[in-house]
Protein backbone atom coordinates (compact mmCIF):
# COMPACT_ATOMS: atom_id res chain seq x y z
CA MET A 1 0.00 0.00 0.00
CA THR A 2 1.34 3.42 -1.00
CA LYS A 3 -0.05 6.82 0.06
CA SER A 4 0.73 10.02 -1.81
CA ASN A 5 -1.05 13.05 -3.29
CA SER A 6 -4.31 12.31 -1.41
CA ARG A 7 -4.39 8.88 -3.06
CA GLU A 8 -3.80 5.38 -1.77
CA SER A 9 -2.95 2.25 -3.73
CA GLN A 10 -3.93 -1.25 -2.68
CA PHE A 11 -0.43 -2.60 -3.34
CA PRO A 12 3.06 -1.10 -2.76
CA ILE A 13 3.53 0.71 -6.08
CA ASP A 14 5.94 3.60 -6.66
CA ALA A 15 4.52 6.93 -5.47
CA MET A 16 5.17 8.51 -8.89
CA PHE A 17 2.05 6.77 -10.20
CA LEU A 18 -0.07 8.46 -7.53
CA ASP A 19 1.67 11.82 -7.97
CA ARG A 20 0.80 11.98 -11.68
CA TRP A 21 -2.57 13.60 -12.27
CA SER A 22 -4.26 15.83 -14.84
CA PRO A 23 -4.62 19.41 -13.58
CA ARG A 24 -6.28 22.23 -15.50
CA ALA A 25 -4.46 25.07 -13.71
CA PHE A 26 -1.27 25.99 -15.55
CA THR A 27 1.05 28.96 -15.01
CA GLY A 28 1.17 29.90 -18.69
CA GLU A 29 4.92 30.37 -18.55
CA VAL A 30 6.87 30.16 -21.79
CA ILE A 31 9.18 27.15 -21.97
CA SER A 32 11.91 26.22 -24.42
CA GLU A 33 11.42 23.77 -27.24
CA GLU A 34 14.24 21.70 -25.73
CA GLN A 35 12.24 21.27 -22.51
CA LEU A 36 9.27 19.90 -24.44
CA LEU A 37 11.40 17.75 -26.74
CA THR A 38 12.99 16.14 -23.68
CA ILE A 39 9.54 14.93 -22.60
CA LEU A 40 8.71 13.81 -26.15
CA ASP A 41 12.00 11.91 -26.29
CA ALA A 42 10.83 9.78 -23.36
CA ALA A 43 7.46 9.25 -25.06
CA HIS A 44 9.00 7.96 -28.25
CA TRP A 45 10.79 5.19 -26.34
CA ALA A 46 7.46 3.54 -25.52
CA PRO A 47 7.04 -0.10 -26.56
CA SER A 48 5.12 -0.82 -29.75
CA SER A 49 3.98 -3.84 -31.71
CA ALA A 50 6.70 -4.97 -34.14
CA ASN A 51 8.48 -1.69 -33.29
CA GLN A 52 6.13 0.16 -35.66
CA GLN A 53 6.14 3.30 -33.47
CA PRO A 54 2.79 4.51 -34.86
CA TRP A 55 2.58 7.62 -32.70
CA ARG A 56 3.00 11.11 -34.12
CA PHE A 57 2.95 14.34 -32.11
CA ILE A 58 1.91 17.77 -33.38
CA TYR A 59 2.95 20.47 -30.90
CA ALA A 60 3.01 24.22 -30.40
CA LEU A 61 4.69 26.24 -27.66
CA LYS A 62 2.92 29.13 -25.97
CA GLY A 63 3.95 32.35 -27.66
CA SER A 64 4.59 30.67 -31.01
CA GLU A 65 2.65 31.33 -34.19
CA HIS A 66 1.03 27.87 -33.99
CA PHE A 67 -0.26 27.94 -30.40
CA GLU A 68 -3.53 29.72 -31.20
CA THR A 69 -4.18 27.29 -34.05
CA LEU A 70 -3.91 24.28 -31.75
CA LEU A 71 -5.92 26.05 -29.04
CA GLY A 72 -8.74 26.68 -31.51
CA LEU A 73 -8.90 22.97 -32.27
CA LEU A 74 -9.92 22.13 -28.70
CA VAL A 75 -13.58 22.16 -27.69
CA GLU A 76 -14.55 25.43 -25.99
CA ALA A 77 -14.68 23.97 -22.48
CA ASN A 78 -11.03 22.92 -22.81
CA GLN A 79 -9.93 26.17 -24.48
CA GLU A 80 -11.08 28.00 -21.35
CA TRP A 81 -8.27 26.55 -19.21
CA ALA A 82 -5.80 25.13 -21.77
CA LYS A 83 -4.98 28.66 -22.96
CA ASN A 84 -2.65 28.84 -19.93
CA ALA A 85 -0.64 25.73 -20.88
CA SER A 86 2.99 26.12 -21.89
CA ALA A 87 2.45 23.79 -24.84
CA LEU A 88 -0.40 22.04 -26.62
CA LEU A 89 -0.07 18.77 -28.47
CA PHE A 90 -2.12 16.35 -30.53
CA VAL A 91 -1.39 12.63 -30.58
CA VAL A 92 -1.96 10.96 -33.93
CA SER A 93 -1.46 7.27 -34.67
CA ARG A 94 -0.73 5.50 -37.92
CA GLY A 95 -3.31 2.79 -38.50
CA PHE A 96 -1.33 0.69 -40.93
CA SER A 97 1.86 -1.31 -40.48
CA GLY A 98 5.07 -1.03 -42.43
CA GLU A 99 7.45 -3.47 -44.04
CA PHE A 100 7.26 -6.17 -41.34
CA SER A 101 3.53 -6.60 -41.80
CA GLU A 102 3.42 -5.95 -45.55
CA GLY A 103 1.32 -2.80 -45.17
CA LYS A 104 -1.52 -4.48 -43.26
CA LYS A 105 -3.76 -2.63 -40.84
CA SER A 106 -2.26 -2.33 -37.38
CA TYR A 107 -4.64 -3.59 -34.72
CA THR A 108 -2.62 -2.02 -31.88
CA HIS A 109 -1.84 1.47 -33.21
CA SER A 110 -4.13 3.24 -30.72
CA PHE A 111 -2.91 1.05 -27.87
CA ASP A 112 0.71 1.87 -28.73
CA ALA A 113 0.02 5.61 -29.08
CA GLY A 114 -1.68 5.50 -25.68
CA THR A 115 1.44 3.94 -24.21
CA ALA A 116 3.53 6.77 -25.65
CA TRP A 117 1.11 9.27 -24.07
CA GLY A 118 1.58 7.46 -20.74
CA TYR A 119 5.35 7.77 -21.03
CA PHE A 120 4.92 11.45 -21.87
CA ALA A 121 2.75 12.02 -18.80
CA MET A 122 5.17 10.23 -16.47
CA GLN A 123 8.28 12.00 -17.82
CA ALA A 124 6.45 15.32 -17.54
CA ARG A 125 5.82 14.68 -13.86
CA LEU A 126 9.38 13.47 -13.24
CA SER A 127 10.61 16.70 -14.86
CA GLY A 128 8.49 19.03 -12.73
CA PHE A 129 5.69 19.49 -15.28
CA TYR A 130 2.14 18.21 -15.62
CA ALA A 131 0.24 16.89 -18.63
CA HIS A 132 -3.52 16.74 -19.10
CA GLY A 133 -4.82 14.43 -21.81
CA MET A 134 -7.99 15.55 -23.60
CA GLY A 135 -10.62 13.76 -25.63
CA GLY A 136 -12.43 17.09 -26.08
CA ILE A 137 -10.80 18.09 -29.35
CA LYS A 138 -12.09 18.74 -32.88
CA HIS A 139 -10.92 15.52 -34.51
CA ASP A 140 -12.17 16.18 -38.05
CA GLU A 141 -10.90 19.76 -38.07
CA ILE A 142 -7.48 18.60 -36.89
CA MET A 143 -7.33 16.12 -39.79
CA LYS A 144 -8.15 18.93 -42.25
CA THR A 145 -5.97 21.62 -40.68
CA PHE A 146 -2.83 19.49 -40.73
CA GLU A 147 -3.69 17.60 -43.93
CA ILE A 148 -3.39 14.27 -42.13
CA PRO A 149 -3.89 11.53 -44.72
CA GLU A 150 -6.22 8.56 -44.59
CA GLY A 151 -4.82 5.74 -42.52
CA TYR A 152 -4.00 7.97 -39.54
CA ARG A 153 -6.21 8.59 -36.51
CA VAL A 154 -6.26 11.67 -34.27
CA GLU A 155 -6.23 10.13 -30.79
CA ALA A 156 -6.19 12.93 -28.22
CA GLY A 157 -4.90 16.34 -27.20
CA ILE A 158 -2.47 17.21 -24.41
CA ALA A 159 -2.05 20.40 -22.40
CA PHE A 160 1.40 20.66 -20.83
CA GLY A 161 3.00 23.01 -18.34
CA ARG A 162 3.74 23.83 -14.73
CA LEU A 163 1.08 23.66 -12.06
CA ALA A 164 -0.59 26.91 -10.99
CA ASP A 165 -2.90 27.63 -8.09
CA LYS A 166 -6.47 26.64 -8.90
CA SER A 167 -7.55 30.27 -8.42
CA VAL A 168 -6.61 30.86 -12.08
CA LEU A 169 -9.57 28.69 -13.08
CA SER A 170 -13.28 29.41 -13.37
CA GLU A 171 -15.39 28.41 -10.36
CA ARG A 172 -16.64 25.37 -12.22
CA ASN A 173 -13.12 24.13 -12.94
CA GLN A 174 -11.83 25.01 -9.47
CA ALA A 175 -14.36 22.53 -8.07
CA ARG A 176 -12.91 19.83 -10.35
CA GLU A 177 -9.23 20.60 -9.65
CA PHE A 178 -8.01 17.66 -7.57
CA PRO A 179 -6.35 14.29 -8.21
CA SER A 180 -9.09 11.81 -9.08
CA GLN A 181 -9.38 8.44 -7.40
CA ARG A 182 -9.60 5.04 -9.09
CA LYS A 183 -12.00 2.13 -8.92
CA PRO A 184 -10.89 -0.77 -6.73
CA LEU A 185 -8.45 -3.02 -8.60
CA SER A 186 -10.91 -5.90 -8.18
CA GLU A 187 -13.34 -4.07 -10.50
CA VAL A 188 -10.90 -3.98 -13.43
CA ALA A 189 -8.57 -7.00 -13.02
CA PHE A 190 -10.00 -10.55 -13.14
CA ASN A 191 -8.24 -13.86 -12.55
CA GLY A 192 -9.14 -16.22 -15.42
CA LYS A 193 -12.48 -14.62 -16.30
CA PHE A 194 -14.10 -11.44 -17.63
CA ILE A 195 -16.75 -9.42 -15.85
CA ALA A 196 -18.64 -6.74 -17.79
CA ASP A 197 -19.84 -3.56 -16.07
């Protein structure tokens, strides 16, 4: 059992897994491209089926010419708080395999891209930053804006930066600004059987 960040695990896991969470309050400080690329470097070392590495990251740093473009591709509720992130990113995965699979569809491309996102989130936390993954993005508009070809899938968005006091948020988001808990492990892990919700 591990306790950290107002969370408690059932088994003795490393506290870094409890310390990682998805805040909405960011300082809005400008960071260097090297700082972001360091986090992305960790992400691109994630495991992937047949080493296909299907993940792709589109990013923009606050203060750059591209930041407002990425911000506008989030749903309005996320734009409200993500405008204070130091960087915004979109995760895209390639849905077909390369030479090892003779160009066949990749069944695990989303799974692998999700693993890369997980590595990104953990390296962010280890480096003094936070990352908030978002499903609330304009998937079709992202495909058009960046001329992403068929065979790729826009998976999610990410807001990235340093943690700010929740007072920078609207009242609605202040009420939501805390590390979320998890279901009991027994509700998601089953020994030799499957149990639907």
